[in-house]
N, C-alpha and C. Protein backbone atom coordinates (compact mmCIF):
# COMPACT_ATOMS: atom_id res chain seq x y z
N MET A 1 118.48 173.60 127.19
CA MET A 1 118.92 173.11 125.67
C MET A 1 117.65 172.37 125.66
N ILE A 2 116.93 172.61 124.39
CA ILE A 2 115.62 172.11 124.02
C ILE A 2 115.63 170.84 122.98
N LEU A 3 115.41 169.52 123.24
CA LEU A 3 115.29 168.65 122.21
C LEU A 3 114.12 168.37 121.43
N ASN A 4 114.01 168.42 120.13
CA ASN A 4 113.01 168.16 119.02
C ASN A 4 112.85 166.48 119.02
N PHE A 5 112.04 166.41 119.28
CA PHE A 5 111.74 164.90 118.52
C PHE A 5 110.26 164.68 117.84
N ARG A 6 110.53 164.07 116.21
CA ARG A 6 109.82 163.92 115.24
C ARG A 6 108.55 162.64 115.17
N GLN A 7 107.32 163.01 115.92
CA GLN A 7 106.74 161.72 115.89
C GLN A 7 106.55 161.05 114.37
N ALA A 8 106.52 160.00 114.62
CA ALA A 8 106.02 159.20 113.02
C ALA A 8 104.70 159.30 112.93
N PRO A 9 104.33 159.57 111.49
CA PRO A 9 103.14 159.58 111.29
C PRO A 9 102.52 158.08 111.16
N PRO A 10 100.97 158.39 111.69
CA PRO A 10 100.16 156.93 111.85
C PRO A 10 100.83 155.59 110.88
N GLN A 11 100.85 156.17 109.38
CA GLN A 11 101.08 154.90 108.48
C GLN A 11 102.21 154.50 108.72
N GLU A 12 103.33 155.38 108.91
CA GLU A 12 104.69 154.76 109.10
C GLU A 12 104.83 154.18 110.55
N LYS A 13 104.12 154.37 111.38
CA LYS A 13 104.13 153.60 112.57
C LYS A 13 103.61 152.07 112.33
N LEU A 14 102.29 152.35 111.60
CA LEU A 14 101.94 150.85 111.07
C LEU A 14 102.45 149.91 110.81
N ILE A 15 103.48 150.32 109.69
CA ILE A 15 104.76 150.00 108.50
C ILE A 15 105.63 149.17 109.83
N GLU A 16 105.88 150.26 110.87
CA GLU A 16 106.89 149.45 111.54
C GLU A 16 106.60 148.67 112.60
N GLU A 17 105.42 148.59 113.00
CA GLU A 17 104.87 147.84 114.24
C GLU A 17 104.41 146.41 113.21
N ASP A 18 104.20 146.29 111.92
CA ASP A 18 104.11 145.14 111.11
C ASP A 18 105.54 144.50 110.67
N GLU A 19 106.48 145.57 110.31
CA GLU A 19 107.70 144.56 110.50
C GLU A 19 108.24 143.95 112.07
N GLU A 20 108.12 144.72 113.15
CA GLU A 20 108.09 144.17 114.08
C GLU A 20 107.61 142.86 114.44
N ASN A 21 106.47 142.99 114.16
CA ASN A 21 105.44 141.73 114.30
C ASN A 21 106.01 140.43 113.14
N GLU A 22 106.17 141.07 112.13
CA GLU A 22 106.88 139.88 111.23
C GLU A 22 107.90 139.49 111.63
N GLU A 23 109.13 140.55 112.16
CA GLU A 23 110.10 139.92 112.70
C GLU A 23 110.18 138.99 114.06
N PHE A 24 108.55 139.02 114.97
CA PHE A 24 108.46 138.26 115.77
C PHE A 24 108.28 136.81 115.47
N SER A 25 107.34 137.32 114.63
CA SER A 25 106.84 135.72 114.14
C SER A 25 107.69 134.65 113.81
N GLU A 26 108.80 135.35 112.89
CA GLU A 26 109.73 134.57 112.27
C GLU A 26 110.65 134.11 113.54
N THR A 27 111.01 134.63 114.15
CA THR A 27 112.05 134.46 115.59
C THR A 27 111.43 133.26 116.09
N LYS A 28 109.85 133.45 116.45
CA LYS A 28 109.12 132.64 116.62
C LYS A 28 109.15 130.73 116.32
N LYS A 29 108.93 131.42 115.05
CA LYS A 29 108.79 130.32 113.92
C LYS A 29 109.85 129.50 114.29
N ASN A 30 111.37 130.21 113.86
CA ASN A 30 113.08 129.60 113.88
C ASN A 30 112.71 128.89 115.00
N ASN A 31 112.66 129.24 116.32
CA ASN A 31 112.49 128.70 117.71
C ASN A 31 111.88 127.65 117.82
N HIS A 32 110.70 127.21 117.18
CA HIS A 32 109.82 126.45 117.05
C HIS A 32 110.37 125.28 116.38
N VAL A 33 110.75 125.49 115.23
CA VAL A 33 111.50 124.74 113.99
C VAL A 33 113.12 124.00 114.86
N LYS A 34 113.71 125.10 115.63
CA LYS A 34 114.81 124.45 116.71
C LYS A 34 114.44 123.67 117.85
N LYS A 35 113.12 123.82 118.22
CA LYS A 35 112.76 123.13 119.56
C LYS A 35 112.76 121.33 118.74
N ARG A 36 111.77 121.84 118.00
CA ARG A 36 111.08 120.36 117.09
C ARG A 36 112.52 119.49 116.73
N ASP A 37 113.43 120.48 116.01
CA ASP A 37 114.47 119.40 115.47
C ASP A 37 115.56 119.14 116.85
N LEU A 38 115.31 120.00 117.99
CA LEU A 38 116.05 119.45 118.84
C LEU A 38 115.34 118.02 119.50
N MET A 39 114.16 117.90 119.55
CA MET A 39 113.51 117.00 119.94
C MET A 39 113.70 115.95 119.46
N LYS A 40 113.53 116.11 118.05
CA LYS A 40 114.08 114.94 116.98
C LYS A 40 114.82 114.25 117.31
N ARG A 41 116.00 114.93 117.50
CA ARG A 41 117.05 114.36 117.57
C ARG A 41 117.70 113.68 119.14
N ARG A 42 117.07 113.98 120.07
CA ARG A 42 116.46 113.33 121.32
C ARG A 42 115.78 112.11 121.24
N ALA A 43 115.22 112.29 120.23
CA ALA A 43 114.23 110.90 120.13
C ALA A 43 115.01 109.43 119.46
N LYS A 44 115.70 110.46 118.39
CA LYS A 44 116.67 109.25 117.63
C LYS A 44 117.48 108.56 118.57
N LYS A 45 117.69 107.24 117.93
CA LYS A 45 118.54 106.07 118.58
C LYS A 45 118.02 105.98 119.99
N SER A 46 116.57 106.26 120.20
CA SER A 46 116.07 105.80 122.04
C SER A 46 116.27 104.14 122.19
N PHE A 47 116.48 103.42 121.42
CA PHE A 47 116.01 102.19 121.24
C PHE A 47 117.83 101.49 121.69
N ILE A 48 118.02 100.93 122.89
CA ILE A 48 119.47 100.81 123.09
C ILE A 48 119.72 99.46 123.51
N CYS A 49 120.65 98.50 122.64
CA CYS A 49 120.50 97.23 122.83
C CYS A 49 121.61 96.68 124.34
N THR A 50 120.81 96.10 125.12
CA THR A 50 121.78 95.96 126.23
C THR A 50 122.79 94.96 126.53
N GLN A 51 122.84 94.11 125.12
CA GLN A 51 124.29 93.66 124.94
C GLN A 51 125.76 94.41 125.00
N CYS A 52 125.53 95.51 123.52
CA CYS A 52 126.64 96.14 123.29
C CYS A 52 126.24 97.70 122.94
N GLU A 53 125.17 98.06 123.99
CA GLU A 53 124.76 99.55 124.07
C GLU A 53 124.92 100.15 122.81
N LYS A 54 124.73 99.17 121.44
CA LYS A 54 124.38 99.89 120.30
C LYS A 54 122.82 100.69 120.52
N SER A 55 122.72 101.58 119.66
CA SER A 55 121.36 102.49 119.80
C SER A 55 120.87 102.65 118.39
N PHE A 56 119.67 102.70 118.30
CA PHE A 56 118.52 102.63 117.17
C PHE A 56 117.60 103.61 117.20
N SER A 57 117.26 104.01 115.97
CA SER A 57 116.29 105.31 116.00
C SER A 57 114.60 104.37 116.26
N PHE A 58 114.57 103.17 115.89
CA PHE A 58 113.15 102.23 115.87
C PHE A 58 113.42 101.33 116.44
N LYS A 59 112.51 100.58 116.87
CA LYS A 59 112.71 99.34 117.73
C LYS A 59 112.44 98.43 116.88
N HIS A 60 112.15 98.69 115.81
CA HIS A 60 112.14 97.22 114.98
C HIS A 60 113.65 96.90 114.07
N HIS A 61 114.42 98.13 114.08
CA HIS A 61 116.04 97.74 113.93
C HIS A 61 116.36 96.92 115.51
N LEU A 62 116.03 97.36 116.56
CA LEU A 62 116.54 96.90 117.54
C LEU A 62 116.22 95.57 117.58
N VAL A 63 115.05 94.87 117.49
CA VAL A 63 114.70 93.68 117.42
C VAL A 63 115.80 92.95 116.14
N LEU A 64 115.93 93.38 115.01
CA LEU A 64 116.62 92.81 114.19
C LEU A 64 118.08 92.85 114.68
N HIS A 65 118.33 93.50 115.04
CA HIS A 65 119.78 94.03 115.73
C HIS A 65 120.29 92.55 116.79
N VAL A 66 119.34 92.47 117.63
CA VAL A 66 119.48 91.43 118.91
C VAL A 66 119.53 90.19 118.56
N ARG A 67 119.15 90.05 117.01
CA ARG A 67 119.21 88.51 116.96
C ARG A 67 121.07 87.87 116.37
N VAL A 68 121.64 89.35 116.53
CA VAL A 68 122.87 89.16 115.89
C VAL A 68 123.86 88.55 117.16
N HIS A 69 123.21 88.68 118.58
CA HIS A 69 123.56 88.23 119.70
C HIS A 69 122.93 87.17 119.96
N THR A 70 121.82 86.89 119.95
CA THR A 70 120.84 85.63 120.48
C THR A 70 121.04 84.14 119.38
N GLY A 71 121.70 84.97 117.95
CA GLY A 71 121.51 83.92 116.89
C GLY A 71 120.22 83.37 116.48
N GLU A 72 119.48 84.13 117.01
CA GLU A 72 118.01 83.64 116.39
C GLU A 72 117.60 83.98 114.94
N LYS A 73 117.19 83.12 114.17
CA LYS A 73 117.00 82.94 112.71
C LYS A 73 115.85 82.49 112.40
N PRO A 74 114.61 83.26 112.34
CA PRO A 74 113.29 82.91 112.38
C PRO A 74 112.75 82.80 111.00
N TYR A 75 113.74 83.26 109.71
CA TYR A 75 113.13 82.77 108.60
C TYR A 75 114.03 81.46 108.02
N THR A 76 113.19 80.33 107.60
CA THR A 76 113.86 79.22 107.28
C THR A 76 113.59 78.81 105.79
N CYS A 77 114.53 78.35 105.03
CA CYS A 77 114.13 78.02 103.39
C CYS A 77 113.94 76.33 103.38
N ASP A 78 112.61 76.45 102.72
CA ASP A 78 111.81 75.10 102.89
C ASP A 78 112.62 74.46 101.72
N GLN A 79 113.77 74.79 101.04
CA GLN A 79 114.17 74.15 99.86
C GLN A 79 115.59 73.21 100.67
N CYS A 80 116.44 73.57 101.60
CA CYS A 80 117.52 73.20 102.10
C CYS A 80 117.47 73.38 103.80
N GLY A 81 116.51 74.34 104.13
CA GLY A 81 116.60 74.56 105.80
C GLY A 81 117.80 75.59 106.09
N LYS A 82 118.20 76.40 105.26
CA LYS A 82 119.08 77.09 105.93
C LYS A 82 118.51 78.41 106.54
N SER A 83 118.69 79.13 107.49
CA SER A 83 117.76 79.82 108.15
C SER A 83 118.62 81.28 107.96
N PHE A 84 117.52 82.50 108.31
CA PHE A 84 118.19 83.98 108.23
C PHE A 84 117.73 84.54 109.36
N THR A 85 118.30 85.70 109.49
CA THR A 85 117.82 86.81 110.86
C THR A 85 116.72 87.65 109.86
N ARG A 86 116.94 87.99 108.53
CA ARG A 86 116.00 88.82 108.03
C ARG A 86 115.12 88.55 106.91
N SER A 87 114.02 88.51 106.68
CA SER A 87 113.02 88.19 105.57
C SER A 87 113.46 88.23 104.23
N GLU A 88 114.15 89.60 104.32
CA GLU A 88 114.83 89.83 102.86
C GLU A 88 116.06 89.10 102.35
N ASN A 89 116.68 88.57 103.39
CA ASN A 89 117.78 87.65 103.29
C ASN A 89 117.31 86.39 102.62
N LEU A 90 116.32 85.75 103.08
CA LEU A 90 115.75 84.70 102.70
C LEU A 90 115.21 84.63 101.42
N LYS A 91 114.41 85.88 101.14
CA LYS A 91 114.30 86.02 99.75
C LYS A 91 115.28 86.14 98.48
N ASP A 92 116.43 86.60 99.16
CA ASP A 92 117.81 86.86 98.17
C ASP A 92 117.95 85.64 98.06
N HIS A 93 118.23 84.55 99.12
CA HIS A 93 118.61 83.54 99.34
C HIS A 93 117.88 82.30 98.32
N MET A 94 116.38 82.39 98.34
CA MET A 94 115.74 81.57 97.49
C MET A 94 115.91 81.66 95.91
N ASN A 95 116.53 82.76 95.39
CA ASN A 95 116.90 83.06 93.94
C ASN A 95 118.01 82.07 93.41
N ILE A 96 118.84 81.43 94.72
CA ILE A 96 119.85 80.45 94.35
C ILE A 96 119.15 79.09 94.26
N HIS A 97 117.88 78.52 94.54
CA HIS A 97 117.02 77.64 94.09
C HIS A 97 116.62 77.56 93.10
N THR A 98 116.26 79.23 92.75
CA THR A 98 114.99 79.25 91.52
C THR A 98 115.78 79.35 90.30
N GLY A 99 117.02 79.94 90.56
CA GLY A 99 118.02 80.27 89.56
C GLY A 99 117.90 81.63 88.94
N GLU A 100 116.82 82.51 89.58
CA GLU A 100 116.49 83.83 89.15
C GLU A 100 117.72 84.58 89.48
N LYS A 101 117.98 85.50 88.74
CA LYS A 101 119.28 86.53 88.91
C LYS A 101 118.88 88.17 88.49
N PRO A 102 118.14 88.54 89.79
CA PRO A 102 117.27 89.67 89.73
C PRO A 102 118.26 91.05 89.30
N TYR A 103 119.54 90.95 90.11
CA TYR A 103 120.52 91.74 90.10
C TYR A 103 121.47 91.83 89.37
N LYS A 104 121.78 93.31 88.29
CA LYS A 104 122.34 93.35 87.49
C LYS A 104 123.06 94.35 87.64
N CYS A 105 124.81 94.04 87.62
CA CYS A 105 125.74 94.98 87.40
C CYS A 105 125.32 96.11 86.43
N SER A 106 125.87 97.55 86.90
CA SER A 106 125.38 98.62 86.06
C SER A 106 126.65 98.84 85.46
N HIS A 107 127.75 98.40 85.03
CA HIS A 107 129.03 98.39 84.50
C HIS A 107 129.10 97.33 83.67
N CYS A 108 128.66 96.19 83.60
CA CYS A 108 128.95 95.18 82.90
C CYS A 108 127.34 94.37 82.94
N ASP A 109 127.66 93.46 81.99
CA ASP A 109 126.12 92.75 81.69
C ASP A 109 126.13 91.18 82.97
N LYS A 110 126.92 91.19 83.81
CA LYS A 110 126.92 89.92 84.86
C LYS A 110 125.95 90.35 85.80
N ARG A 111 125.02 89.40 86.08
CA ARG A 111 123.96 89.22 86.74
C ARG A 111 123.84 88.48 88.07
N PHE A 112 123.50 88.61 89.56
CA PHE A 112 123.37 88.15 90.40
C PHE A 112 122.09 87.79 91.20
N SER A 113 122.43 86.45 91.82
CA SER A 113 121.23 86.22 92.33
C SER A 113 120.52 87.20 93.84
N ARG A 114 121.95 87.60 94.38
CA ARG A 114 121.65 88.69 95.55
C ARG A 114 122.30 89.75 95.45
N SER A 115 121.54 90.54 96.07
CA SER A 115 122.03 92.35 96.25
C SER A 115 123.28 92.25 96.65
N ALA A 116 123.68 91.60 97.72
CA ALA A 116 124.93 91.69 98.10
C ALA A 116 126.24 91.38 97.40
N ASP A 117 125.77 90.26 96.95
CA ASP A 117 126.83 89.61 95.51
C ASP A 117 127.05 90.81 94.78
N MET A 118 126.14 91.42 94.16
CA MET A 118 126.02 92.61 93.21
C MET A 118 126.76 93.61 93.80
N ASN A 119 126.86 94.18 95.11
CA ASN A 119 127.35 95.32 95.53
C ASN A 119 128.71 95.11 95.77
N ARG A 120 129.35 93.70 96.32
CA ARG A 120 130.47 93.18 96.19
C ARG A 120 131.41 93.33 95.04
N HIS A 121 130.35 92.82 93.73
CA HIS A 121 131.08 93.05 92.53
C HIS A 121 131.39 93.98 92.03
N LYS A 122 130.54 95.07 92.33
CA LYS A 122 130.58 96.38 91.54
C LYS A 122 132.09 97.11 92.04
N VAL A 123 132.58 96.56 93.06
CA VAL A 123 133.75 97.19 93.69
C VAL A 123 135.12 96.88 92.50
N VAL A 124 134.83 95.63 91.77
CA VAL A 124 136.23 95.60 90.65
C VAL A 124 135.73 96.24 89.56
N HIS A 125 135.09 97.14 89.46
CA HIS A 125 134.91 98.03 88.53
C HIS A 125 135.38 99.41 89.00
N THR A 126 134.86 99.76 90.53
CA THR A 126 134.88 101.36 90.83
C THR A 126 136.41 101.36 91.31
N GLY A 127 136.56 100.31 92.34
CA GLY A 127 138.37 100.19 93.03
C GLY A 127 138.20 101.20 94.32
N GLU A 128 136.86 101.88 94.29
CA GLU A 128 136.41 102.76 95.32
C GLU A 128 136.83 101.90 96.86
N LYS A 129 137.18 102.77 97.65
CA LYS A 129 137.39 102.19 99.02
C LYS A 129 136.99 103.91 100.17
N LEU A 130 135.79 103.78 100.02
CA LEU A 130 134.95 104.78 100.65
C LEU A 130 135.12 104.72 102.00
N HIS A 131 135.39 103.64 102.62
CA HIS A 131 135.46 103.56 104.24
C HIS A 131 136.82 103.50 104.96
N THR A 132 137.40 104.82 105.51
CA THR A 132 138.43 104.81 105.69
C THR A 132 138.59 104.88 107.64
N CYS A 133 139.78 103.89 107.78
CA CYS A 133 140.10 104.30 109.60
C CYS A 133 140.42 105.51 109.96
N ASP A 134 139.71 106.45 110.56
CA ASP A 134 140.69 107.55 111.17
C ASP A 134 141.66 107.26 112.24
N LYS A 135 141.90 105.97 112.61
CA LYS A 135 142.92 105.62 113.71
C LYS A 135 144.01 105.38 112.99
N CYS A 136 143.96 104.30 111.86
CA CYS A 136 145.48 103.99 111.22
C CYS A 136 145.13 104.15 109.79
N GLY A 137 144.26 104.73 109.21
CA GLY A 137 144.43 105.05 107.87
C GLY A 137 143.83 104.23 106.59
N LYS A 138 143.42 103.01 107.07
CA LYS A 138 143.65 102.04 106.55
C LYS A 138 142.06 102.24 105.64
N SER A 139 141.81 101.78 104.41
CA SER A 139 140.66 102.00 103.53
C SER A 139 139.90 100.64 103.18
N PHE A 140 138.78 100.50 103.25
CA PHE A 140 138.11 99.29 102.82
C PHE A 140 136.77 99.69 101.68
N ALA A 141 136.66 98.94 101.05
CA ALA A 141 135.52 98.83 99.85
C ALA A 141 134.40 98.62 100.32
N LEU A 142 133.94 97.75 101.24
CA LEU A 142 132.74 97.34 101.76
C LEU A 142 132.48 97.90 103.22
N LYS A 143 131.57 98.49 103.50
CA LYS A 143 131.16 98.78 105.16
C LYS A 143 131.35 97.77 106.04
N GLN A 144 131.09 96.39 106.03
CA GLN A 144 130.94 95.57 106.81
C GLN A 144 132.57 95.16 107.06
N HIS A 145 133.47 95.21 106.23
CA HIS A 145 134.58 94.76 106.22
C HIS A 145 135.25 95.99 107.33
N PHE A 146 135.15 97.39 106.94
CA PHE A 146 135.51 98.34 107.92
C PHE A 146 135.06 98.64 109.08
N THR A 147 133.38 98.07 109.39
CA THR A 147 133.11 97.90 110.52
C THR A 147 133.79 97.17 111.59
N ALA A 148 134.19 95.67 110.79
CA ALA A 148 134.84 94.76 111.51
C ALA A 148 136.25 95.25 111.75
N HIS A 149 136.71 96.03 111.22
CA HIS A 149 138.26 96.43 111.04
C HIS A 149 138.21 97.20 112.58
N VAL A 150 137.42 98.44 112.35
CA VAL A 150 137.24 99.16 113.64
C VAL A 150 137.27 98.39 115.09
N ARG A 151 136.78 97.51 115.04
CA ARG A 151 136.87 96.45 116.13
C ARG A 151 138.07 96.43 116.90
N VAL A 152 139.06 96.19 116.04
CA VAL A 152 140.57 95.90 116.32
C VAL A 152 140.88 97.15 117.20
N HIS A 153 140.55 98.37 116.75
CA HIS A 153 141.14 99.76 118.10
C HIS A 153 140.03 99.87 119.12
N THR A 154 138.99 99.63 119.01
CA THR A 154 137.99 99.70 120.01
C THR A 154 138.01 98.27 120.91
N GLY A 155 138.32 97.20 120.86
CA GLY A 155 138.09 96.27 121.17
C GLY A 155 136.74 95.70 121.66
N GLU A 156 135.73 96.39 120.89
CA GLU A 156 134.59 96.16 121.07
C GLU A 156 134.58 94.53 120.86
N LYS A 157 133.68 93.81 121.19
CA LYS A 157 133.11 91.93 121.00
C LYS A 157 131.76 91.79 121.00
N PRO A 158 130.76 92.53 120.24
CA PRO A 158 129.48 92.24 120.18
C PRO A 158 128.92 90.98 120.15
N TYR A 159 129.44 90.11 119.68
CA TYR A 159 128.65 88.53 119.19
C TYR A 159 129.49 87.76 120.90
N ARG A 160 128.34 86.89 121.23
CA ARG A 160 128.63 86.05 122.36
C ARG A 160 127.82 84.71 122.22
N CYS A 161 128.81 84.02 122.59
CA CYS A 161 128.26 82.68 122.75
C CYS A 161 127.29 82.15 123.70
N LEU A 162 126.62 81.85 123.16
CA LEU A 162 124.97 81.38 124.07
C LEU A 162 125.50 80.17 124.97
N TYR A 163 126.71 79.25 125.01
CA TYR A 163 127.08 78.46 125.26
C TYR A 163 127.98 78.72 126.61
N CYS A 164 129.10 79.53 126.26
CA CYS A 164 129.85 79.75 127.17
C CYS A 164 130.51 81.25 127.44
N ASN A 165 129.29 81.98 127.01
CA ASN A 165 129.72 83.51 127.20
C ASN A 165 130.72 84.12 126.40
N LYS A 166 131.59 83.44 126.17
CA LYS A 166 132.88 84.11 125.30
C LYS A 166 132.25 85.00 124.26
N ARG A 167 133.29 86.35 124.20
CA ARG A 167 132.80 86.87 123.21
C ARG A 167 133.75 87.29 121.85
N PHE A 168 133.14 87.52 120.54
CA PHE A 168 134.25 87.68 119.77
C PHE A 168 133.40 89.28 118.65
N SER A 169 134.82 89.83 118.14
CA SER A 169 134.66 90.90 117.56
C SER A 169 133.73 90.54 116.24
N GLN A 170 133.97 89.41 115.54
CA GLN A 170 132.99 88.97 114.40
C GLN A 170 131.92 88.10 114.34
N SER A 171 131.29 88.05 113.44
CA SER A 171 129.93 86.90 113.50
C SER A 171 130.87 85.79 113.17
N GLY A 172 131.54 85.60 112.01
CA GLY A 172 132.02 84.30 111.69
C GLY A 172 133.36 83.57 112.50
N ASN A 173 133.59 84.54 113.40
CA ASN A 173 134.58 83.70 114.36
C ASN A 173 133.70 83.09 115.45
N LEU A 174 132.64 83.85 115.68
CA LEU A 174 131.46 83.24 116.62
C LEU A 174 130.90 81.94 116.28
N LYS A 175 130.48 82.00 114.92
CA LYS A 175 129.77 80.63 113.85
C LYS A 175 131.12 79.60 114.15
N THR A 176 132.18 79.84 114.04
CA THR A 176 133.05 78.86 113.85
C THR A 176 133.42 78.12 115.46
N HIS A 177 133.67 79.08 115.98
CA HIS A 177 133.64 78.90 117.67
C HIS A 177 132.17 77.88 118.44
N LYS A 178 131.29 78.28 117.76
CA LYS A 178 130.15 77.53 118.46
C LYS A 178 129.89 75.86 117.94
N ARG A 179 131.06 75.43 116.70
CA ARG A 179 131.09 74.34 116.56
C ARG A 179 131.58 73.30 117.42
N ILE A 180 132.61 73.84 118.44
CA ILE A 180 132.98 73.20 119.60
C ILE A 180 132.23 72.82 120.27
N HIS A 181 131.08 73.59 120.56
CA HIS A 181 129.68 73.22 121.49
C HIS A 181 128.86 71.93 120.52
N THR A 182 128.60 72.18 119.21
CA THR A 182 127.41 71.74 118.84
C THR A 182 128.23 70.40 117.94
N GLU A 183 129.24 70.03 117.79
CA GLU A 183 130.11 69.39 117.42
C GLU A 183 130.03 69.05 115.66
N GLU A 184 129.26 70.32 115.10
CA GLU A 184 129.05 70.54 113.94
C GLU A 184 130.12 70.27 113.10
N LYS A 185 130.05 69.58 111.92
CA LYS A 185 131.58 69.45 111.10
C LYS A 185 131.30 69.47 109.65
N PRO A 186 130.86 70.76 108.86
CA PRO A 186 130.55 71.01 107.74
C PRO A 186 131.14 70.86 106.45
N TYR A 187 132.49 70.60 106.72
CA TYR A 187 133.43 70.56 105.60
C TYR A 187 133.97 69.02 105.53
N HIS A 188 133.65 68.38 104.31
CA HIS A 188 133.48 67.27 104.08
C HIS A 188 134.59 66.57 102.92
N CYS A 189 135.60 65.59 103.22
CA CYS A 189 136.48 65.80 102.38
C CYS A 189 135.98 64.73 100.87
N THR A 190 135.91 65.34 99.91
CA THR A 190 135.46 64.37 98.82
C THR A 190 136.16 63.04 98.25
N GLU A 191 137.10 62.95 99.05
CA GLU A 191 137.99 61.57 98.36
C GLU A 191 137.89 60.39 99.33
N CYS A 192 137.71 60.93 100.91
CA CYS A 192 137.49 60.08 101.86
C CYS A 192 136.21 60.26 102.68
N GLY A 193 135.93 61.24 102.69
CA GLY A 193 134.60 61.49 103.20
C GLY A 193 134.65 61.78 104.52
N LYS A 194 135.81 62.15 105.36
CA LYS A 194 136.15 62.54 106.72
C LYS A 194 135.52 63.83 106.63
N SER A 195 134.97 64.57 107.79
CA SER A 195 134.55 65.62 108.17
C SER A 195 135.09 66.61 109.09
N PHE A 196 135.37 67.76 109.18
CA PHE A 196 135.82 68.94 109.76
C PHE A 196 134.94 70.24 110.18
N ASN A 197 135.49 70.20 111.25
CA ASN A 197 134.68 72.13 111.71
C ASN A 197 135.26 73.30 111.19
N HIS A 198 136.24 72.89 110.21
CA HIS A 198 137.29 74.01 109.96
C HIS A 198 137.63 73.63 108.59
N SER A 199 137.26 75.19 107.80
CA SER A 199 137.77 74.71 106.35
C SER A 199 139.15 74.61 106.18
N VAL A 200 139.98 75.45 107.21
CA VAL A 200 141.59 75.11 107.10
C VAL A 200 141.90 74.06 107.42
N SER A 201 141.14 73.15 108.43
CA SER A 201 141.37 71.44 108.63
C SER A 201 141.38 70.68 107.51
N LEU A 202 139.95 70.80 106.70
CA LEU A 202 139.85 70.19 105.68
C LEU A 202 140.79 70.41 104.62
N HIS A 203 141.42 71.56 104.52
CA HIS A 203 142.46 72.38 103.53
C HIS A 203 143.56 71.29 103.92
N SER A 204 144.04 71.26 105.29
CA SER A 204 145.37 70.70 105.74
C SER A 204 145.04 69.23 105.28
N HIS A 205 144.02 68.66 105.36
CA HIS A 205 143.93 67.19 105.27
C HIS A 205 144.09 66.80 103.64
N THR A 206 143.24 67.27 103.04
CA THR A 206 143.39 67.24 101.71
C THR A 206 144.99 67.26 101.22
N LYS A 207 145.78 68.54 101.67
CA LYS A 207 146.82 68.14 101.07
C LYS A 207 147.91 67.27 101.68
N THR A 208 148.13 67.16 103.20
CA THR A 208 148.48 65.97 103.32
C THR A 208 148.26 64.41 102.88
N ASN A 209 146.87 64.17 102.82
CA ASN A 209 146.66 62.99 102.51
C ASN A 209 145.77 62.43 100.91
N HIS A 210 145.95 63.59 100.36
CA HIS A 210 145.25 63.37 98.88
C HIS A 210 145.59 63.91 97.78
N SER A 211 146.64 65.10 97.84
CA SER A 211 147.63 65.79 97.09
C SER A 211 148.50 64.77 96.26
N LYS A 212 148.55 64.83 95.11
CA LYS A 212 149.21 64.00 93.97
C LYS A 212 150.71 64.68 93.80
């Protein structure tokens, strides 16, 4: 039995070779893109906090985050002495002293000195709770409230007291705890001048001693 094979014309062979070369080139290009994306993903979040193992893509973000643990606040208001971890927070704070309110709600005419206050206010209009816990289904309007809630499930306590190494899940709890060591009493009774380290203590004192 004799099999006959048809030899493709030279021009047709050139077209086939061009298509093969184009296909190879495209495959090589796709592989290069995939490799580059893989390298980018590996490079992402390569800066890790030694305190809580949270990772960041940029060293600058890690430096800012570490201040959560150290309590460092290098930016100080020259009007009232209040300090901040970030320069942008100080900039927003200064609006309180100047009376400037550059942030306007897109739903109403109300204006705010700080962007964070404006964002919290917007929830009044939208009623949105975009952050939902996948453990219990509870939803939150603000991301910071959601993040704090999740630690109830994970047991994470990223905030450490520099005086006794006790750890806390929320920065506010650490701030209150530190007053045990510093003996700071920022809450003052307007009736008798007595000072307290907790707002709850001041409220209880006022209710017991000065309520009419």
